[in-house]
């Protein structure tokens, strides 16, 4: 449960392991959230930048690919809220060049959204950026920093705030609405799991944590009538847990029972898709024409419904 979280001070440094291989699963999960559940980015922005946006705040997701001379720069998430642009990156490994990469990303974003301001002067405004570290790293600073020197002698300190997932217990995650951190919570136990740990106390800590996550997610989904959010988050939690927990570790079974079993596709999408197909089939049964149905549903959905009906027959 929330109070059973392992102390941050005792978490092994992720850099003691080879953490560079297959790290794309972490990026994929973050980008899945950014694309399919973008409202979860709002509490993260509030936490990092001390804003107070509502989760219902209107926002715009901006293009995350920027084409430059030496190739394509792909960022994790860029959203605009009002007149402010926020750039969020998810990072699993420590990288001394991270500040350079962030500067490169931010320059690309700033140039794309530059404006021709008053007095015929271009205005180039950097986005508000941050880096989310999802693994257990020691000695991370509060900011990535670099000094930018201009030819006229100006020196500007470029700073990017850092947020560390390991600092947030289950209770704090739900208190601050940082549900975006839930898929990465298993990484608090990564060192223990990679060594196929069987220490009963740590096993109990882990299982208690995920019982509490499951309980709180279900409670939240019922209270806010967001069952799709509950199901989607379970999928993403299991995606990373399945990667992190060794195949022969008994914890797999215990965690699977708690979280409801392995799911390969976002359940809410699956249910939504099936619901639309069922609706089209009902319309066909009622005698509506193809033209009438296509006013509400896509041709692809219509054809799926037809194919499904022919299979049943």
Protein backbone atom coordinates (compact mmCIF):
# COMPACT_ATOMS: atom_id res chain seq x y z
CA UNK A 1 0.00 0.00 0.00
CA UNK A 2 1.05 3.63 -0.09
CA UNK A 3 2.68 3.40 3.30
CA UNK A 4 4.61 0.28 2.34
CA UNK A 5 6.65 1.92 -0.42
CA UNK A 6 10.37 1.15 -0.24
CA UNK A 7 12.29 4.17 1.00
CA UNK A 8 13.73 6.23 -1.85
CA UNK A 9 17.13 6.20 -0.18
CA UNK A 10 17.41 2.42 -0.47
CA UNK A 11 16.57 2.11 -4.15
CA UNK A 12 19.54 0.82 -6.19
CA UNK A 13 20.81 3.00 -9.00
CA UNK A 14 19.50 1.87 -12.38
CA UNK A 15 22.88 2.72 -13.88
CA UNK A 16 24.37 -0.33 -12.18
CA UNK A 17 22.58 -2.37 -14.83
CA UNK A 18 22.70 -2.33 -18.60
CA UNK A 19 19.61 -0.19 -19.10
CA UNK A 20 20.10 0.88 -22.69
CA UNK A 21 18.75 -2.26 -24.39
CA UNK A 22 15.07 -2.44 -25.32
CA UNK A 23 14.38 0.87 -23.59
CA UNK A 24 11.87 1.74 -26.32
CA UNK A 25 9.11 -0.02 -24.37
CA UNK A 26 9.23 2.85 -21.87
CA UNK A 27 9.06 5.44 -24.64
CA UNK A 28 6.23 3.55 -26.31
CA UNK A 29 4.17 3.53 -23.12
CA UNK A 30 4.73 7.24 -22.58
CA UNK A 31 3.78 8.08 -26.15
CA UNK A 32 0.74 5.81 -25.90
CA UNK A 33 -0.41 7.83 -22.90
CA UNK A 34 0.39 11.11 -24.66
CA UNK A 35 -1.65 10.08 -27.71
CA UNK A 36 -4.51 8.08 -26.20
CA UNK A 37 -4.81 9.61 -22.71
CA UNK A 38 -3.34 13.11 -23.13
CA UNK A 39 -5.40 14.49 -20.22
CA UNK A 40 -2.95 12.65 -17.92
CA UNK A 41 -0.23 15.08 -19.00
CA UNK A 42 -2.04 17.96 -17.29
CA UNK A 43 -1.32 16.93 -13.66
CA UNK A 44 2.33 16.30 -14.60
CA UNK A 45 2.57 19.83 -16.00
CA UNK A 46 0.95 21.19 -12.83
CA UNK A 47 3.44 19.31 -10.66
CA UNK A 48 6.54 20.45 -12.56
CA UNK A 49 5.62 24.03 -13.44
CA UNK A 50 3.42 24.84 -10.41
CA UNK A 51 0.42 25.59 -12.59
CA UNK A 52 -3.17 24.80 -11.68
CA UNK A 53 -4.79 23.69 -14.92
CA UNK A 54 -7.98 21.67 -14.72
CA UNK A 55 -7.83 18.23 -16.30
CA UNK A 56 -10.67 19.46 -18.51
CA UNK A 57 -8.55 22.39 -19.69
CA UNK A 58 -8.67 22.71 -23.49
CA UNK A 59 -5.31 21.92 -25.05
CA UNK A 60 -3.77 21.18 -28.42
CA UNK A 61 -1.32 18.40 -29.17
CA UNK A 62 1.39 19.71 -31.45
CA UNK A 63 3.49 17.90 -34.04
CA UNK A 64 6.35 16.02 -32.39
CA UNK A 65 8.52 15.54 -35.49
CA UNK A 66 10.86 18.31 -36.57
CA UNK A 67 12.93 18.03 -39.73
CA UNK A 68 16.45 19.37 -39.58
CA UNK A 69 19.58 19.36 -41.69
CA UNK A 70 21.01 16.25 -40.06
CA UNK A 71 17.81 14.24 -39.74
CA UNK A 72 14.49 14.06 -37.92
CA UNK A 73 14.14 15.09 -34.28
CA UNK A 74 11.27 13.23 -32.60
CA UNK A 75 10.09 14.46 -29.21
CA UNK A 76 7.87 12.60 -26.74
CA UNK A 77 5.07 15.11 -26.23
CA UNK A 78 4.38 18.74 -27.06
CA UNK A 79 1.10 20.36 -26.07
CA UNK A 80 -0.19 23.91 -26.06
CA UNK A 81 -2.41 25.22 -23.28
CA UNK A 82 -3.57 28.73 -23.97
CA UNK A 83 -0.49 30.67 -25.09
CA UNK A 84 1.97 28.30 -23.39
CA UNK A 85 3.77 25.39 -25.07
CA UNK A 86 4.94 22.47 -22.92
CA UNK A 87 7.52 19.91 -24.01
CA UNK A 88 7.76 16.68 -21.98
CA UNK A 89 10.39 13.98 -22.38
CA UNK A 90 10.46 10.54 -20.75
CA UNK A 91 13.95 9.23 -20.00
CA UNK A 92 14.99 5.83 -18.63
CA UNK A 93 18.80 6.21 -18.56
CA UNK A 94 21.19 8.88 -17.32
CA UNK A 95 22.79 10.73 -20.21
CA UNK A 96 25.35 13.52 -19.87
CA UNK A 97 24.24 14.91 -23.23
CA UNK A 98 20.57 15.14 -22.25
CA UNK A 99 20.73 18.91 -21.86
CA UNK A 100 22.14 19.19 -25.40
CA UNK A 101 19.37 17.01 -26.76
CA UNK A 102 16.74 19.06 -24.92
CA UNK A 103 18.25 22.27 -26.26
CA UNK A 104 18.13 20.84 -29.78
CA UNK A 105 14.49 19.80 -29.33
CA UNK A 106 13.52 23.15 -27.83
CA UNK A 107 15.25 25.14 -30.57
CA UNK A 108 13.27 23.14 -33.16
CA UNK A 109 10.00 23.76 -31.34
CA UNK A 110 10.76 27.46 -30.79
CA UNK A 111 11.63 28.05 -34.44
CA UNK A 112 8.53 26.27 -35.65
CA UNK A 113 6.34 28.51 -33.51
CA UNK A 114 8.32 31.74 -33.92
CA UNK A 115 6.29 34.86 -34.62
CA UNK A 116 6.96 38.13 -36.43
CA UNK A 117 6.40 40.49 -33.54
CA UNK A 118 6.11 44.27 -33.23
CA UNK A 119 8.77 46.57 -34.70
CA UNK A 120 9.52 43.97 -37.40
CA UNK A 121 11.48 41.74 -35.00
CA UNK A 122 11.10 37.99 -34.85
CA UNK A 123 10.15 36.59 -31.47
CA UNK A 124 11.49 33.13 -30.70
CA UNK A 125 10.09 31.71 -27.47
CA UNK A 126 11.34 28.46 -25.97
CA UNK A 127 8.74 25.98 -24.69
CA UNK A 128 8.50 25.10 -21.02
CA UNK A 129 10.25 21.75 -20.92
CA UNK A 130 10.95 19.00 -18.43
CA UNK A 131 12.45 15.51 -18.31
CA UNK A 132 10.70 12.68 -16.47
CA UNK A 133 13.16 10.04 -15.22
CA UNK A 134 11.35 6.76 -14.66
CA UNK A 135 14.17 4.60 -13.27
CA UNK A 136 16.01 4.70 -9.95
CA UNK A 137 18.97 7.01 -10.45
CA UNK A 138 21.18 8.43 -7.73
CA UNK A 139 22.56 11.95 -7.76
CA UNK A 140 20.21 13.46 -10.30
CA UNK A 141 20.11 17.27 -10.04
CA UNK A 142 16.91 19.28 -9.95
CA UNK A 143 17.67 20.69 -13.40
CA UNK A 144 19.61 19.94 -16.55
CA UNK A 145 21.65 23.09 -17.20
CA UNK A 146 23.87 24.64 -19.85
CA UNK A 147 25.36 28.09 -20.43
CA UNK A 148 24.50 29.55 -23.82
CA UNK A 149 26.98 32.24 -24.95
CA UNK A 150 26.02 34.77 -27.61
CA UNK A 151 28.42 36.74 -29.78
CA UNK A 152 27.49 40.03 -28.09
CA UNK A 153 28.73 38.71 -24.74
CA UNK A 154 25.37 37.64 -23.30
CA UNK A 155 25.37 34.44 -21.25
CA UNK A 156 22.03 32.73 -20.71
CA UNK A 157 21.56 29.79 -18.36
CA UNK A 158 19.34 27.23 -20.09
CA UNK A 159 17.57 25.12 -17.46
CA UNK A 160 15.25 22.13 -17.80
CA UNK A 161 13.55 20.83 -14.63
CA UNK A 162 13.81 17.14 -13.76
CA UNK A 163 11.06 15.05 -12.18
CA UNK A 164 11.82 11.58 -10.79
CA UNK A 165 9.12 8.92 -10.68
CA UNK A 166 10.85 7.14 -7.77
CA UNK A 167 9.98 10.01 -5.42
CA UNK A 168 6.26 9.31 -5.65
CA UNK A 169 4.59 6.63 -3.56
CA UNK A 170 1.24 5.16 -4.55
CA UNK A 171 -0.55 7.53 -2.17
CA UNK A 172 1.22 10.59 -3.58
CA UNK A 173 0.55 9.51 -7.15
CA UNK A 174 -3.19 9.42 -6.56
CA UNK A 175 -3.17 12.48 -4.31
CA UNK A 176 -1.50 14.54 -7.04
CA UNK A 177 -3.37 12.77 -9.86
CA UNK A 178 -0.08 11.66 -11.43
CA UNK A 179 -1.58 8.53 -12.95
CA UNK A 180 0.92 8.85 -15.78
CA UNK A 181 3.53 7.44 -13.35
CA UNK A 182 1.64 4.22 -12.59
CA UNK A 183 3.04 2.09 -15.45
CA UNK A 184 6.56 2.92 -14.26
CA UNK A 185 5.96 2.13 -10.59
CA UNK A 186 7.26 -1.44 -11.05
CA UNK A 187 10.68 0.07 -11.82
CA UNK A 188 11.07 0.90 -8.12
CA UNK A 189 11.61 -2.85 -7.72
CA UNK A 190 13.67 -3.37 -10.86
CA UNK A 191 16.98 -4.22 -9.19
CA UNK A 192 15.27 -6.67 -6.85
CA UNK A 193 13.36 -8.32 -9.69
CA UNK A 194 16.29 -8.55 -12.10
CA UNK A 195 18.16 -10.55 -9.51
CA UNK A 196 15.10 -12.81 -9.31
CA UNK A 197 14.57 -11.64 -5.76
CA UNK A 198 12.45 -13.79 -3.50
CA UNK A 199 12.87 -11.88 -0.25
CA UNK A 200 9.43 -12.23 1.32
CA UNK A 201 9.37 -8.69 2.72
CA UNK A 202 10.13 -7.06 -0.65
CA UNK A 203 7.70 -9.38 -2.43
CA UNK A 204 5.01 -8.34 0.03
CA UNK A 205 5.85 -4.65 -0.47
CA UNK A 206 5.50 -5.05 -4.22
CA UNK A 207 2.22 -6.98 -4.12
CA UNK A 208 0.74 -4.61 -1.52
CA UNK A 209 1.63 -1.66 -3.72
CA UNK A 210 -0.17 -3.14 -6.71
CA UNK A 211 -3.19 -4.20 -4.68
CA UNK A 212 -3.46 -0.56 -3.64
CA UNK A 213 -2.96 0.66 -7.22
CA UNK A 214 -5.67 -1.70 -8.39
CA UNK A 215 -8.04 -0.64 -5.61
CA UNK A 216 -7.48 3.08 -6.13
CA UNK A 217 -7.78 2.83 -9.92
CA UNK A 218 -11.07 0.97 -9.60
CA UNK A 219 -12.31 3.45 -7.01
CA UNK A 220 -11.33 6.37 -9.24
CA UNK A 221 -12.93 4.87 -12.34
CA UNK A 222 -16.22 4.27 -10.50
CA UNK A 223 -16.27 7.69 -8.90
CA UNK A 224 -15.47 9.53 -12.13
CA UNK A 225 -17.21 7.05 -14.45
CA UNK A 226 -14.01 6.47 -16.39
CA UNK A 227 -13.90 2.69 -16.74
CA UNK A 228 -11.91 3.05 -19.97
CA UNK A 229 -9.14 4.86 -18.09
CA UNK A 230 -8.96 2.06 -15.53
CA UNK A 231 -8.70 -0.61 -18.21
CA UNK A 232 -6.20 1.29 -20.33
CA UNK A 233 -3.91 1.93 -17.38
CA UNK A 234 -3.99 -1.74 -16.36
CA UNK A 235 -2.80 -2.65 -19.85
CA UNK A 236 0.14 -0.25 -19.70
CA UNK A 237 1.10 -1.32 -16.17
CA UNK A 238 1.18 -4.92 -17.33
CA UNK A 239 3.16 -4.08 -20.47
CA UNK A 240 6.12 -2.82 -18.42
CA UNK A 241 5.70 -5.36 -15.62
CA UNK A 242 5.80 -8.15 -18.19
CA UNK A 243 9.09 -6.79 -19.52
CA UNK A 244 10.69 -6.18 -16.12
CA UNK A 245 9.74 -9.35 -14.22
CA UNK A 246 11.87 -12.39 -15.17
CA UNK A 247 9.96 -15.20 -16.86
CA UNK A 248 10.63 -17.67 -14.07
CA UNK A 249 9.77 -15.35 -11.18
CA UNK A 250 6.67 -16.38 -9.21
CA UNK A 251 5.79 -12.71 -8.72
CA UNK A 252 4.43 -12.76 -12.28
CA UNK A 253 1.55 -14.98 -11.19
CA UNK A 254 0.76 -12.95 -8.09
CA UNK A 255 0.82 -9.65 -9.93
CA UNK A 256 -1.22 -11.10 -12.80
CA UNK A 257 -3.94 -12.18 -10.38
CA UNK A 258 -4.02 -8.73 -8.79
CA UNK A 259 -4.10 -6.73 -12.00
CA UNK A 260 -6.51 -8.99 -13.86
CA UNK A 261 -4.28 -10.91 -16.25
CA UNK A 262 -2.24 -9.96 -19.30
CA UNK A 263 -4.01 -7.85 -21.94
CA UNK A 264 -2.43 -7.18 -25.30
CA UNK A 265 -4.75 -4.46 -26.55
CA UNK A 266 -6.23 -1.45 -24.82
CA UNK A 267 -9.54 -2.85 -23.58
CA UNK A 268 -11.44 0.38 -23.95
CA UNK A 269 -10.50 0.58 -27.64
CA UNK A 270 -11.51 -3.02 -28.11
CA UNK A 271 -14.85 -2.49 -26.39
CA UNK A 272 -15.48 0.77 -28.23
CA UNK A 273 -14.71 -0.83 -31.59
CA UNK A 274 -16.97 -3.79 -30.89
CA UNK A 275 -19.71 -1.47 -29.68
CA UNK A 276 -19.63 0.49 -32.94
CA UNK A 277 -19.68 -2.70 -35.00
CA UNK A 278 -22.68 -3.98 -33.02
CA UNK A 279 -24.46 -0.67 -33.61
CA UNK A 280 -23.86 -0.86 -37.38
CA UNK A 281 -25.13 -4.44 -37.48
CA UNK A 282 -28.29 -3.36 -35.66
CA UNK A 283 -28.80 -0.59 -38.23
CA UNK A 284 -28.39 -3.09 -41.06
CA UNK A 285 -30.92 -5.41 -39.41
CA UNK A 286 -33.33 -2.50 -39.14
CA UNK A 287 -33.07 -1.94 -42.89
CA UNK A 288 -31.01 1.27 -43.00
CA UNK A 289 -29.11 1.80 -46.25
CA UNK A 290 -25.33 1.90 -46.57
CA UNK A 291 -25.53 5.64 -47.35
CA UNK A 292 -27.50 6.32 -44.16
CA UNK A 293 -25.05 4.33 -42.02
CA UNK A 294 -21.99 6.05 -43.53
CA UNK A 295 -23.34 9.39 -42.37
CA UNK A 296 -22.41 8.31 -38.82
CA UNK A 297 -19.79 5.59 -39.22
CA UNK A 298 -16.72 5.12 -41.40
CA UNK A 299 -16.54 2.84 -44.43
CA UNK A 300 -13.95 0.71 -42.65
CA UNK A 301 -16.29 0.17 -39.69
CA UNK A 302 -19.17 -0.61 -42.03
CA UNK A 303 -17.14 -3.24 -43.88
CA UNK A 304 -15.95 -4.81 -40.61
CA UNK A 305 -19.56 -5.08 -39.46
CA UNK A 306 -20.58 -6.69 -42.77
CA UNK A 307 -17.69 -9.17 -42.69
CA UNK A 308 -18.49 -10.07 -39.10
CA UNK A 309 -22.14 -10.72 -40.01
CA UNK A 310 -21.15 -12.98 -42.91
CA UNK A 311 -18.84 -14.99 -40.63
CA UNK A 312 -21.67 -15.52 -38.13
CA UNK A 313 -23.95 -16.70 -40.93
